[in-house]
Amino acid sequence: MKTNRTFILSSVCLMMTLGFPLLGQDRQRQAVGVPQTRPPLTRDQREDLRDRREDIRDRREDVRDRREDVRDAQRNGGVGDRREDVRDRREDVRDRREDVRDRMEDRLDRNPRFAAHLRDLLPRGTRPRDAIAGFRNEGQFYAALHASKNLNIPFDQLKAQVIGNDAVSLGQAIHAVKPELSEDDIRNAVKRAESDAQETEKTSGSAD
């Protein structure tokens, strides 16, 4: 009798030992099968997520643009673009100089006093339109005219120095044409020519 009871107790213990781990595994399987729910994102979190996505998209566009720039530069070495830039700048300079010439002609037509004053400054037989061609502005033109008159320098020689791609300042132009003048003489000549040019500009703006 004791033997049967001992056997039954041993069997129950064995079943309990084997059953509890299995029961734990079943519970784990059930826990794994239950879907995990996440708390909803707040408005700030949604905005941060959207901003990060936009930043990524912008960086990708920047990379694509840089690759296109590199590809274009490799295709023609950028020579075509640089030539177009140079051509555009030259056209802008030419347009501004034409505007300067047109404005001066308008003043000559509206201001007889100014027209007479300018004729006294210009070399004989030189038209104002031809004389001012190539100068950056009227002030530069008037200063060159007065320097030519004051120093008895041929105007066409002085003009050739102060316009064009290799243009120099009025003082350097005077030195190139009359190298015998001292630096002080050239400095004083430039100041006088610029002062006279200001007076001429005032005359051009006051019609009779």
N, C-alpha and C. Protein backbone atom coordinates (compact mmCIF):
# COMPACT_ATOMS: atom_id res chain seq x y z
N MET A 1 0.83 -1.19 0.00
CA MET A 1 0.00 0.00 0.00
C MET A 1 0.87 1.25 0.00
N LYS A 2 1.85 1.23 0.85
CA LYS A 2 2.78 2.35 0.87
C LYS A 2 3.51 2.48 -0.46
N THR A 3 3.77 1.34 -1.08
CA THR A 3 4.46 1.40 -2.38
C THR A 3 3.60 2.07 -3.42
N ASN A 4 2.32 1.76 -3.46
CA ASN A 4 1.42 2.40 -4.45
C ASN A 4 1.31 3.88 -4.18
N ARG A 5 1.23 4.23 -2.89
CA ARG A 5 1.10 5.66 -2.58
C ARG A 5 2.37 6.41 -2.99
N THR A 6 3.47 5.77 -2.73
CA THR A 6 4.74 6.42 -3.13
C THR A 6 4.84 6.58 -4.63
N PHE A 7 4.36 5.58 -5.36
CA PHE A 7 4.41 5.65 -6.82
C PHE A 7 3.51 6.76 -7.33
N ILE A 8 2.32 6.87 -6.72
CA ILE A 8 1.39 7.92 -7.16
C ILE A 8 1.97 9.30 -6.89
N LEU A 9 2.57 9.48 -5.72
CA LEU A 9 3.16 10.78 -5.40
C LEU A 9 4.31 11.12 -6.36
N SER A 10 5.11 10.09 -6.67
CA SER A 10 6.22 10.33 -7.60
C SER A 10 5.69 10.72 -8.98
N SER A 11 4.57 10.06 -9.39
CA SER A 11 4.00 10.38 -10.71
C SER A 11 3.45 11.79 -10.75
N VAL A 12 2.79 12.17 -9.66
CA VAL A 12 2.24 13.54 -9.62
C VAL A 12 3.36 14.57 -9.66
N CYS A 13 4.41 14.33 -8.93
CA CYS A 13 5.55 15.27 -8.93
C CYS A 13 6.17 15.38 -10.31
N LEU A 14 6.28 14.22 -10.98
CA LEU A 14 6.86 14.24 -12.32
C LEU A 14 5.98 15.01 -13.28
N MET A 15 4.64 14.81 -13.18
CA MET A 15 3.72 15.53 -14.07
C MET A 15 3.78 17.02 -13.79
N MET A 16 3.86 17.37 -12.55
CA MET A 16 3.94 18.79 -12.23
C MET A 16 5.24 19.40 -12.73
N THR A 17 6.31 18.60 -12.61
CA THR A 17 7.60 19.11 -13.11
C THR A 17 7.59 19.32 -14.62
N LEU A 18 6.98 18.38 -15.32
CA LEU A 18 6.91 18.48 -16.78
C LEU A 18 5.84 19.45 -17.26
N GLY A 19 4.77 19.61 -16.51
CA GLY A 19 3.65 20.42 -16.97
C GLY A 19 3.86 21.89 -16.81
N PHE A 20 4.48 22.34 -15.75
CA PHE A 20 4.64 23.76 -15.52
C PHE A 20 5.48 24.48 -16.59
N PRO A 21 6.60 23.85 -17.02
CA PRO A 21 7.32 24.52 -18.10
C PRO A 21 6.51 24.61 -19.37
N LEU A 22 5.76 23.55 -19.67
CA LEU A 22 4.93 23.60 -20.88
C LEU A 22 3.87 24.68 -20.76
N LEU A 23 3.30 24.81 -19.56
CA LEU A 23 2.32 25.85 -19.36
C LEU A 23 2.93 27.24 -19.53
N GLY A 24 4.16 27.39 -19.04
CA GLY A 24 4.85 28.68 -19.23
C GLY A 24 5.12 28.96 -20.68
N GLN A 25 5.51 27.91 -21.44
CA GLN A 25 5.76 28.12 -22.86
C GLN A 25 4.48 28.51 -23.59
N ASP A 26 3.34 27.88 -23.22
CA ASP A 26 2.08 28.25 -23.85
C ASP A 26 1.75 29.70 -23.59
N ARG A 27 1.99 30.13 -22.35
CA ARG A 27 1.71 31.53 -22.04
C ARG A 27 2.62 32.47 -22.85
N GLN A 28 3.89 32.05 -23.03
CA GLN A 28 4.80 32.88 -23.82
C GLN A 28 4.34 32.95 -25.26
N ARG A 29 3.88 31.78 -25.79
CA ARG A 29 3.38 31.79 -27.17
C ARG A 29 2.18 32.71 -27.30
N GLN A 30 1.28 32.67 -26.31
CA GLN A 30 0.13 33.54 -26.38
C GLN A 30 0.55 35.00 -26.29
N ALA A 31 1.57 35.27 -25.47
CA ALA A 31 2.03 36.66 -25.36
C ALA A 31 2.63 37.14 -26.66
N VAL A 32 3.36 36.23 -27.34
CA VAL A 32 3.96 36.61 -28.63
C VAL A 32 2.88 36.85 -29.66
N GLY A 33 1.84 36.11 -29.65
CA GLY A 33 0.79 36.24 -30.65
C GLY A 33 -0.05 37.48 -30.47
N VAL A 34 -0.03 38.09 -29.29
CA VAL A 34 -0.84 39.28 -29.05
C VAL A 34 -0.20 40.47 -29.75
N PRO A 35 -0.92 41.17 -30.61
CA PRO A 35 -0.33 42.33 -31.30
C PRO A 35 0.03 43.44 -30.33
N GLN A 36 1.23 44.04 -30.56
CA GLN A 36 1.72 45.12 -29.71
C GLN A 36 1.15 46.45 -30.22
N THR A 37 0.51 47.22 -29.44
CA THR A 37 -0.06 48.51 -29.83
C THR A 37 0.85 49.63 -29.35
N ARG A 38 1.18 50.61 -30.27
CA ARG A 38 2.01 51.75 -29.92
C ARG A 38 1.15 52.97 -29.63
N PRO A 39 1.58 53.79 -28.75
CA PRO A 39 0.80 55.01 -28.49
C PRO A 39 0.84 55.92 -29.71
N PRO A 40 -0.23 56.64 -30.03
CA PRO A 40 -0.25 57.53 -31.20
C PRO A 40 0.78 58.65 -31.06
N LEU A 41 1.31 59.08 -32.23
CA LEU A 41 2.29 60.17 -32.24
C LEU A 41 1.63 61.49 -31.91
N THR A 42 2.35 62.31 -31.19
CA THR A 42 1.85 63.67 -30.92
C THR A 42 2.03 64.54 -32.17
N ARG A 43 1.43 65.71 -32.14
CA ARG A 43 1.54 66.61 -33.29
C ARG A 43 2.98 67.05 -33.51
N ASP A 44 3.73 67.32 -32.45
CA ASP A 44 5.13 67.72 -32.59
C ASP A 44 5.96 66.59 -33.20
N GLN A 45 5.68 65.37 -32.78
CA GLN A 45 6.42 64.24 -33.33
C GLN A 45 6.12 64.06 -34.81
N ARG A 46 4.85 64.25 -35.18
CA ARG A 46 4.50 64.15 -36.61
C ARG A 46 5.18 65.23 -37.42
N GLU A 47 5.25 66.44 -36.87
CA GLU A 47 5.93 67.53 -37.59
C GLU A 47 7.42 67.27 -37.71
N ASP A 48 8.04 66.75 -36.65
CA ASP A 48 9.46 66.41 -36.71
C ASP A 48 9.71 65.34 -37.77
N LEU A 49 8.84 64.35 -37.82
CA LEU A 49 9.01 63.29 -38.81
C LEU A 49 8.87 63.85 -40.22
N ARG A 50 7.90 64.73 -40.42
CA ARG A 50 7.72 65.33 -41.73
C ARG A 50 8.91 66.21 -42.13
N ASP A 51 9.45 66.96 -41.15
CA ASP A 51 10.62 67.81 -41.44
C ASP A 51 11.82 66.97 -41.82
N ARG A 52 12.02 65.85 -41.11
CA ARG A 52 13.16 65.00 -41.45
C ARG A 52 13.03 64.43 -42.84
N ARG A 53 11.82 64.06 -43.22
CA ARG A 53 11.61 63.55 -44.56
C ARG A 53 11.87 64.62 -45.62
N GLU A 54 11.44 65.85 -45.34
CA GLU A 54 11.70 66.95 -46.28
C GLU A 54 13.19 67.23 -46.39
N ASP A 55 13.91 67.18 -45.26
CA ASP A 55 15.36 67.39 -45.30
C ASP A 55 16.05 66.33 -46.15
N ILE A 56 15.63 65.10 -46.00
CA ILE A 56 16.22 64.03 -46.80
C ILE A 56 15.94 64.26 -48.28
N ARG A 57 14.72 64.66 -48.60
CA ARG A 57 14.37 64.91 -49.99
C ARG A 57 15.17 66.09 -50.56
N ASP A 58 15.35 67.14 -49.75
CA ASP A 58 16.13 68.29 -50.22
C ASP A 58 17.59 67.91 -50.46
N ARG A 59 18.16 67.11 -49.55
CA ARG A 59 19.55 66.70 -49.75
C ARG A 59 19.70 65.86 -51.00
N ARG A 60 18.74 65.03 -51.28
CA ARG A 60 18.81 64.24 -52.50
C ARG A 60 18.73 65.12 -53.74
N GLU A 61 17.89 66.16 -53.68
CA GLU A 61 17.81 67.08 -54.82
C GLU A 61 19.12 67.85 -54.99
N ASP A 62 19.74 68.26 -53.88
CA ASP A 62 21.02 68.97 -53.97
C ASP A 62 22.09 68.08 -54.61
N VAL A 63 22.13 66.83 -54.18
CA VAL A 63 23.10 65.90 -54.77
C VAL A 63 22.85 65.73 -56.26
N ARG A 64 21.59 65.62 -56.64
CA ARG A 64 21.27 65.47 -58.06
C ARG A 64 21.67 66.71 -58.86
N ASP A 65 21.44 67.91 -58.28
CA ASP A 65 21.81 69.14 -58.98
C ASP A 65 23.33 69.23 -59.14
N ARG A 66 24.07 68.86 -58.07
CA ARG A 66 25.53 68.92 -58.18
C ARG A 66 26.04 67.94 -59.22
N ARG A 67 25.44 66.79 -59.28
CA ARG A 67 25.86 65.82 -60.30
C ARG A 67 25.59 66.36 -61.71
N GLU A 68 24.46 67.03 -61.87
CA GLU A 68 24.17 67.60 -63.19
C GLU A 68 25.16 68.71 -63.53
N ASP A 69 25.53 69.52 -62.52
CA ASP A 69 26.52 70.57 -62.78
C ASP A 69 27.86 69.97 -63.18
N VAL A 70 28.27 68.93 -62.47
CA VAL A 70 29.53 68.27 -62.81
C VAL A 70 29.46 67.67 -64.20
N ARG A 71 28.34 67.06 -64.51
CA ARG A 71 28.19 66.45 -65.83
C ARG A 71 28.23 67.51 -66.94
N ASP A 72 27.58 68.64 -66.71
CA ASP A 72 27.61 69.71 -67.71
C ASP A 72 29.02 70.27 -67.87
N ALA A 73 29.71 70.42 -66.73
CA ALA A 73 31.07 70.95 -66.81
C ALA A 73 32.00 69.98 -67.53
N GLN A 74 31.81 68.69 -67.30
CA GLN A 74 32.64 67.70 -67.97
C GLN A 74 32.32 67.61 -69.46
N ARG A 75 31.06 67.89 -69.79
CA ARG A 75 30.66 67.77 -71.18
C ARG A 75 31.37 68.81 -72.06
N ASN A 76 31.43 70.07 -71.60
CA ASN A 76 32.04 71.11 -72.43
C ASN A 76 33.12 71.89 -71.69
N GLY A 77 33.50 71.40 -70.51
CA GLY A 77 34.55 72.08 -69.77
C GLY A 77 34.14 73.45 -69.26
N GLY A 78 32.83 73.81 -69.35
CA GLY A 78 32.37 75.11 -68.91
C GLY A 78 32.79 76.25 -69.82
N VAL A 79 33.40 75.94 -70.95
CA VAL A 79 33.88 76.99 -71.84
C VAL A 79 32.72 77.76 -72.44
N GLY A 80 31.67 77.04 -72.82
CA GLY A 80 30.52 77.70 -73.42
C GLY A 80 29.88 78.69 -72.48
N ASP A 81 29.72 78.31 -71.20
CA ASP A 81 29.11 79.21 -70.23
C ASP A 81 29.99 80.43 -69.99
N ARG A 82 31.30 80.21 -69.87
CA ARG A 82 32.18 81.36 -69.63
C ARG A 82 32.18 82.31 -70.82
N ARG A 83 32.13 81.77 -72.02
CA ARG A 83 32.07 82.64 -73.20
C ARG A 83 30.79 83.45 -73.22
N GLU A 84 29.69 82.81 -72.84
CA GLU A 84 28.42 83.54 -72.79
C GLU A 84 28.46 84.64 -71.74
N ASP A 85 29.09 84.36 -70.59
CA ASP A 85 29.20 85.39 -69.55
C ASP A 85 30.02 86.57 -70.03
N VAL A 86 31.14 86.30 -70.69
CA VAL A 86 31.98 87.38 -71.22
C VAL A 86 31.22 88.18 -72.26
N ARG A 87 30.51 87.47 -73.13
CA ARG A 87 29.75 88.16 -74.16
C ARG A 87 28.64 89.03 -73.55
N ASP A 88 27.99 88.51 -72.52
CA ASP A 88 26.93 89.29 -71.87
C ASP A 88 27.49 90.54 -71.21
N ARG A 89 28.66 90.39 -70.53
CA ARG A 89 29.25 91.57 -69.87
C ARG A 89 29.66 92.62 -70.90
N ARG A 90 30.19 92.18 -72.02
CA ARG A 90 30.57 93.15 -73.06
C ARG A 90 29.35 93.86 -73.62
N GLU A 91 28.27 93.12 -73.79
CA GLU A 91 27.05 93.75 -74.28
C GLU A 91 26.50 94.76 -73.27
N ASP A 92 26.60 94.44 -71.98
CA ASP A 92 26.15 95.37 -70.95
C ASP A 92 26.97 96.66 -70.98
N VAL A 93 28.29 96.51 -71.10
CA VAL A 93 29.15 97.69 -71.16
C VAL A 93 28.82 98.53 -72.39
N ARG A 94 28.63 97.86 -73.52
CA ARG A 94 28.30 98.59 -74.74
C ARG A 94 26.96 99.31 -74.62
N ASP A 95 26.00 98.66 -73.99
CA ASP A 95 24.69 99.30 -73.82
C ASP A 95 24.79 100.52 -72.91
N ARG A 96 25.58 100.40 -71.82
CA ARG A 96 25.72 101.55 -70.92
C ARG A 96 26.40 102.71 -71.61
N ARG A 97 27.40 102.42 -72.43
CA ARG A 97 28.09 103.50 -73.14
C ARG A 97 27.20 104.15 -74.19
N GLU A 98 26.35 103.37 -74.81
CA GLU A 98 25.40 103.95 -75.75
C GLU A 98 24.40 104.84 -75.02
N ASP A 99 24.01 104.43 -73.81
CA ASP A 99 23.11 105.28 -73.02
C ASP A 99 23.77 106.60 -72.66
N VAL A 100 25.05 106.55 -72.32
CA VAL A 100 25.79 107.78 -72.01
C VAL A 100 25.79 108.71 -73.22
N ARG A 101 26.04 108.16 -74.38
CA ARG A 101 26.07 108.97 -75.60
C ARG A 101 24.70 109.55 -75.92
N ASP A 102 23.67 108.76 -75.75
CA ASP A 102 22.32 109.24 -76.04
C ASP A 102 21.90 110.34 -75.08
N ARG A 103 22.24 110.20 -73.80
CA ARG A 103 21.88 111.24 -72.83
C ARG A 103 22.58 112.56 -73.14
N MET A 104 23.85 112.47 -73.53
CA MET A 104 24.57 113.70 -73.84
C MET A 104 23.97 114.38 -75.08
N GLU A 105 23.59 113.62 -76.08
CA GLU A 105 22.98 114.21 -77.27
C GLU A 105 21.66 114.88 -76.94
N ASP A 106 20.92 114.28 -76.02
CA ASP A 106 19.67 114.92 -75.59
C ASP A 106 19.94 116.26 -74.93
N ARG A 107 20.99 116.33 -74.11
CA ARG A 107 21.32 117.60 -73.46
C ARG A 107 21.77 118.64 -74.48
N LEU A 108 22.52 118.21 -75.47
CA LEU A 108 22.95 119.14 -76.51
C LEU A 108 21.76 119.72 -77.25
N ASP A 109 20.76 118.89 -77.50
CA ASP A 109 19.58 119.38 -78.22
C ASP A 109 18.75 120.34 -77.36
N ARG A 110 18.72 120.12 -76.03
CA ARG A 110 17.87 120.92 -75.15
C ARG A 110 18.60 122.14 -74.59
N ASN A 111 19.94 122.15 -74.68
CA ASN A 111 20.71 123.18 -73.99
C ASN A 111 21.72 123.81 -74.94
N PRO A 112 21.37 124.87 -75.62
CA PRO A 112 22.32 125.52 -76.56
C PRO A 112 23.58 126.03 -75.88
N ARG A 113 23.43 126.51 -74.64
CA ARG A 113 24.61 127.01 -73.91
C ARG A 113 25.62 125.90 -73.69
N PHE A 114 25.13 124.73 -73.29
CA PHE A 114 26.01 123.58 -73.09
C PHE A 114 26.63 123.13 -74.41
N ALA A 115 25.85 123.17 -75.49
CA ALA A 115 26.37 122.76 -76.80
C ALA A 115 27.52 123.66 -77.23
N ALA A 116 27.37 124.98 -76.98
CA ALA A 116 28.44 125.90 -77.35
C ALA A 116 29.68 125.67 -76.50
N HIS A 117 29.48 125.43 -75.22
CA HIS A 117 30.61 125.16 -74.32
C HIS A 117 31.36 123.89 -74.74
N LEU A 118 30.63 122.86 -75.14
CA LEU A 118 31.27 121.61 -75.53
C LEU A 118 32.02 121.76 -76.85
N ARG A 119 31.50 122.58 -77.75
CA ARG A 119 32.21 122.79 -79.03
C ARG A 119 33.56 123.45 -78.80
N ASP A 120 33.64 124.32 -77.78
CA ASP A 120 34.91 124.97 -77.49
C ASP A 120 35.94 123.97 -76.95
N LEU A 121 35.49 122.92 -76.30
CA LEU A 121 36.40 121.93 -75.73
C LEU A 121 36.83 120.88 -76.75
N LEU A 122 35.98 120.55 -77.70
CA LEU A 122 36.27 119.48 -78.65
C LEU A 122 37.27 119.92 -79.70
N PRO A 123 38.09 119.01 -80.18
CA PRO A 123 38.95 119.33 -81.33
C PRO A 123 38.10 119.75 -82.52
N ARG A 124 38.65 120.61 -83.35
CA ARG A 124 37.91 121.13 -84.49
C ARG A 124 37.48 119.97 -85.41
N GLY A 125 36.22 119.98 -85.79
CA GLY A 125 35.70 118.98 -86.71
C GLY A 125 35.27 117.67 -86.05
N THR A 126 35.36 117.60 -84.72
CA THR A 126 34.98 116.37 -84.02
C THR A 126 33.53 116.48 -83.53
N ARG A 127 32.73 115.49 -83.84
CA ARG A 127 31.34 115.48 -83.38
C ARG A 127 31.28 114.98 -81.94
N PRO A 128 30.42 115.56 -81.12
CA PRO A 128 30.31 115.10 -79.73
C PRO A 128 29.99 113.61 -79.63
N ARG A 129 29.14 113.12 -80.53
CA ARG A 129 28.77 111.71 -80.48
C ARG A 129 29.99 110.82 -80.68
N ASP A 130 30.87 111.22 -81.58
CA ASP A 130 32.08 110.42 -81.82
C ASP A 130 33.09 110.59 -80.68
N ALA A 131 33.14 111.78 -80.10
CA ALA A 131 34.13 112.05 -79.05
C ALA A 131 33.82 111.27 -77.78
N ILE A 132 32.55 111.15 -77.42
CA ILE A 132 32.20 110.51 -76.16
C ILE A 132 32.11 108.99 -76.29
N ALA A 133 32.12 108.48 -77.49
CA ALA A 133 32.00 107.03 -77.69
C ALA A 133 33.13 106.29 -76.99
N GLY A 134 32.78 105.31 -76.17
CA GLY A 134 33.77 104.49 -75.48
C GLY A 134 33.99 104.87 -74.03
N PHE A 135 33.57 106.06 -73.59
CA PHE A 135 33.76 106.47 -72.20
C PHE A 135 32.69 105.83 -71.31
N ARG A 136 33.07 105.57 -70.06
CA ARG A 136 32.15 104.93 -69.12
C ARG A 136 31.00 105.84 -68.74
N ASN A 137 31.29 107.12 -68.59
CA ASN A 137 30.27 108.09 -68.18
C ASN A 137 30.68 109.47 -68.67
N GLU A 138 29.77 110.42 -68.49
CA GLU A 138 30.04 111.78 -68.95
C GLU A 138 31.14 112.45 -68.14
N GLY A 139 31.21 112.15 -66.84
CA GLY A 139 32.26 112.77 -66.02
C GLY A 139 33.65 112.41 -66.51
N GLN A 140 33.85 111.14 -66.86
CA GLN A 140 35.15 110.71 -67.38
C GLN A 140 35.45 111.42 -68.70
N PHE A 141 34.43 111.56 -69.53
CA PHE A 141 34.60 112.22 -70.83
C PHE A 141 34.97 113.69 -70.65
N TYR A 142 34.25 114.41 -69.77
CA TYR A 142 34.54 115.83 -69.57
C TYR A 142 35.93 116.03 -68.97
N ALA A 143 36.33 115.16 -68.03
CA ALA A 143 37.66 115.31 -67.42
C ALA A 143 38.75 115.13 -68.46
N ALA A 144 38.58 114.16 -69.36
CA ALA A 144 39.58 113.95 -70.42
C ALA A 144 39.62 115.15 -71.36
N LEU A 145 38.46 115.71 -71.66
CA LEU A 145 38.42 116.90 -72.53
C LEU A 145 39.17 118.06 -71.90
N HIS A 146 38.91 118.33 -70.63
CA HIS A 146 39.57 119.47 -69.96
C HIS A 146 41.05 119.21 -69.79
N ALA A 147 41.46 117.98 -69.47
CA ALA A 147 42.89 117.70 -69.36
C ALA A 147 43.58 117.91 -70.70
N SER A 148 42.94 117.50 -71.77
CA SER A 148 43.50 117.71 -73.11
C SER A 148 43.67 119.19 -73.41
N LYS A 149 42.63 119.97 -73.03
CA LYS A 149 42.67 121.40 -73.29
C LYS A 149 43.69 122.10 -72.41
N ASN A 150 43.72 121.76 -71.12
CA ASN A 150 44.61 122.45 -70.18
C ASN A 150 46.08 122.15 -70.45
N LEU A 151 46.39 120.92 -70.84
CA LEU A 151 47.78 120.50 -71.02
C LEU A 151 48.21 120.51 -72.48
N ASN A 152 47.32 120.93 -73.35
CA ASN A 152 47.63 120.95 -74.79
C ASN A 152 48.05 119.56 -75.28
N ILE A 153 47.25 118.56 -74.88
CA ILE A 153 47.49 117.17 -75.29
C ILE A 153 46.44 116.80 -76.33
N PRO A 154 46.80 116.19 -77.45
CA PRO A 154 45.80 115.76 -78.43
C PRO A 154 44.75 114.87 -77.76
N PHE A 155 43.49 115.22 -77.96
CA PHE A 155 42.42 114.50 -77.28
C PHE A 155 42.38 113.02 -77.67
N ASP A 156 42.61 112.72 -78.94
CA ASP A 156 42.53 111.32 -79.37
C ASP A 156 43.61 110.46 -78.70
N GLN A 157 44.78 111.04 -78.40
CA GLN A 157 45.83 110.29 -77.70
C GLN A 157 45.43 110.01 -76.25
N LEU A 158 44.86 111.00 -75.60
CA LEU A 158 44.44 110.82 -74.21
C LEU A 158 43.27 109.83 -74.13
N LYS A 159 42.36 109.96 -75.07
CA LYS A 159 41.20 109.06 -75.09
C LYS A 159 41.63 107.62 -75.28
N ALA A 160 42.61 107.39 -76.14
CA ALA A 160 43.07 106.01 -76.40
C ALA A 160 43.62 105.35 -75.14
N GLN A 161 44.09 106.17 -74.18
CA GLN A 161 44.66 105.62 -72.96
C GLN A 161 43.60 105.28 -71.91
N VAL A 162 42.48 106.03 -71.89
CA VAL A 162 41.53 105.90 -70.79
C VAL A 162 40.31 105.04 -71.14
N ILE A 163 40.21 104.54 -72.37
CA ILE A 163 39.10 103.65 -72.72
C ILE A 163 39.68 102.34 -73.27
N GLY A 164 38.80 101.37 -73.44
CA GLY A 164 39.22 100.08 -73.99
C GLY A 164 39.58 99.08 -72.92
N ASN A 165 40.01 97.91 -73.35
CA ASN A 165 40.33 96.82 -72.41
C ASN A 165 41.56 97.11 -71.56
N ASP A 166 42.48 97.90 -72.09
CA ASP A 166 43.71 98.23 -71.36
C ASP A 166 43.65 99.65 -70.80
N ALA A 167 42.46 100.09 -70.42
CA ALA A 167 42.28 101.47 -69.96
C ALA A 167 43.04 101.73 -68.67
N VAL A 168 43.54 102.95 -68.54
CA VAL A 168 44.25 103.38 -67.33
C VAL A 168 43.55 104.62 -66.80
N SER A 169 43.99 105.05 -65.63
CA SER A 169 43.41 106.26 -65.03
C SER A 169 43.85 107.49 -65.82
N LEU A 170 43.18 108.60 -65.54
CA LEU A 170 43.52 109.84 -66.24
C LEU A 170 44.95 110.26 -65.93
N GLY A 171 45.38 110.11 -64.67
CA GLY A 171 46.75 110.47 -64.33
C GLY A 171 47.77 109.62 -65.06
N GLN A 172 47.51 108.31 -65.16
CA GLN A 172 48.42 107.43 -65.89
C GLN A 172 48.41 107.75 -67.38
N ALA A 173 47.26 108.13 -67.89
CA ALA A 173 47.18 108.50 -69.31
C ALA A 173 48.00 109.76 -69.59
N ILE A 174 47.90 110.73 -68.69
CA ILE A 174 48.68 111.96 -68.86
C ILE A 174 50.18 111.65 -68.81
N HIS A 175 50.58 110.79 -67.89
CA HIS A 175 51.99 110.43 -67.79
C HIS A 175 52.46 109.70 -69.05
N ALA A 176 51.60 108.87 -69.63
CA ALA A 176 51.99 108.14 -70.84
C ALA A 176 52.17 109.08 -72.02
N VAL A 177 51.34 110.12 -72.09
CA VAL A 177 51.42 111.05 -73.23
C VAL A 177 52.48 112.12 -72.98
N LYS A 178 52.63 112.59 -71.73
CA LYS A 178 53.62 113.61 -71.40
C LYS A 178 54.47 113.12 -70.22
N PRO A 179 55.40 112.23 -70.47
CA PRO A 179 56.21 111.66 -69.37
C PRO A 179 57.12 112.68 -68.70
N GLU A 180 57.30 113.84 -69.30
CA GLU A 180 58.21 114.82 -68.70
C GLU A 180 57.58 115.52 -67.49
N LEU A 181 56.27 115.39 -67.32
CA LEU A 181 55.60 116.04 -66.19
C LEU A 181 55.93 115.29 -64.90
N SER A 182 56.08 116.04 -63.82
CA SER A 182 56.34 115.42 -62.52
C SER A 182 55.04 114.86 -61.94
N GLU A 183 55.20 114.08 -60.88
CA GLU A 183 54.01 113.50 -60.24
C GLU A 183 53.12 114.59 -59.67
N ASP A 184 53.72 115.62 -59.09
CA ASP A 184 52.91 116.72 -58.55
C ASP A 184 52.16 117.44 -59.67
N ASP A 185 52.83 117.67 -60.79
CA ASP A 185 52.16 118.34 -61.91
C ASP A 185 50.98 117.50 -62.42
N ILE A 186 51.19 116.17 -62.51
CA ILE A 186 50.11 115.30 -62.98
C ILE A 186 48.95 115.29 -61.98
N ARG A 187 49.29 115.23 -60.69
CA ARG A 187 48.24 115.22 -59.66
C ARG A 187 47.42 116.52 -59.72
N ASN A 188 48.09 117.64 -59.87
CA ASN A 188 47.38 118.92 -59.95
C ASN A 188 46.56 119.01 -61.23
N ALA A 189 47.09 118.45 -62.31
CA ALA A 189 46.37 118.49 -63.58
C ALA A 189 45.09 117.66 -63.50
N VAL A 190 45.15 116.53 -62.84
CA VAL A 190 43.96 115.68 -62.69
C VAL A 190 42.92 116.38 -61.83
N LYS A 191 43.35 117.00 -60.72
CA LYS A 191 42.40 117.71 -59.87
C LYS A 191 41.72 118.85 -60.62
N ARG A 192 42.50 119.59 -61.41
CA ARG A 192 41.93 120.71 -62.16
C ARG A 192 40.95 120.19 -63.20
N ALA A 193 41.33 119.11 -63.90
CA ALA A 193 40.45 118.57 -64.93
C ALA A 193 39.15 118.05 -64.33
N GLU A 194 39.21 117.41 -63.18
CA GLU A 194 38.00 116.89 -62.53
C GLU A 194 37.12 118.03 -62.03
N SER A 195 37.74 119.12 -61.53
CA SER A 195 36.97 120.27 -61.09
C SER A 195 36.28 120.94 -62.28
N ASP A 196 37.02 121.09 -63.37
CA ASP A 196 36.42 121.67 -64.58
C ASP A 196 35.30 120.77 -65.11
N ALA A 197 35.47 119.45 -64.99
CA ALA A 197 34.44 118.53 -65.47
C ALA A 197 33.16 118.70 -64.67
N GLN A 198 33.27 118.95 -63.36
CA GLN A 198 32.08 119.16 -62.55
C GLN A 198 31.34 120.42 -62.97
N GLU A 199 32.08 121.45 -63.31
CA GLU A 199 31.45 122.68 -63.79
C GLU A 199 30.74 122.44 -65.13
N THR A 200 31.36 121.65 -65.98
CA THR A 200 30.73 121.35 -67.27
C THR A 200 29.45 120.54 -67.06
N GLU A 201 29.46 119.61 -66.13
CA GLU A 201 28.25 118.83 -65.84
C GLU A 201 27.14 119.74 -65.34
N LYS A 202 27.48 120.73 -64.53
CA LYS A 202 26.47 121.68 -64.07
C LYS A 202 25.88 122.45 -65.25
N THR A 203 26.74 122.83 -66.18
CA THR A 203 26.28 123.55 -67.36
C THR A 203 25.34 122.70 -68.20
N SER A 204 25.65 121.39 -68.27
CA SER A 204 24.83 120.52 -69.09
C SER A 204 23.44 120.33 -68.53
N GLY A 205 23.28 120.56 -67.23
CA GLY A 205 21.96 120.35 -66.64
C GLY A 205 21.12 121.60 -66.55
N SER A 206 21.64 122.77 -66.92
CA SER A 206 20.88 124.02 -66.83
C SER A 206 20.68 124.58 -68.22
N ALA A 207 19.44 124.50 -68.70
CA ALA A 207 19.12 125.02 -70.04
C ALA A 207 18.82 126.50 -69.96
N ASP A 208 19.08 127.18 -71.09
CA ASP A 208 18.76 128.63 -71.14
C ASP A 208 17.26 128.83 -71.26
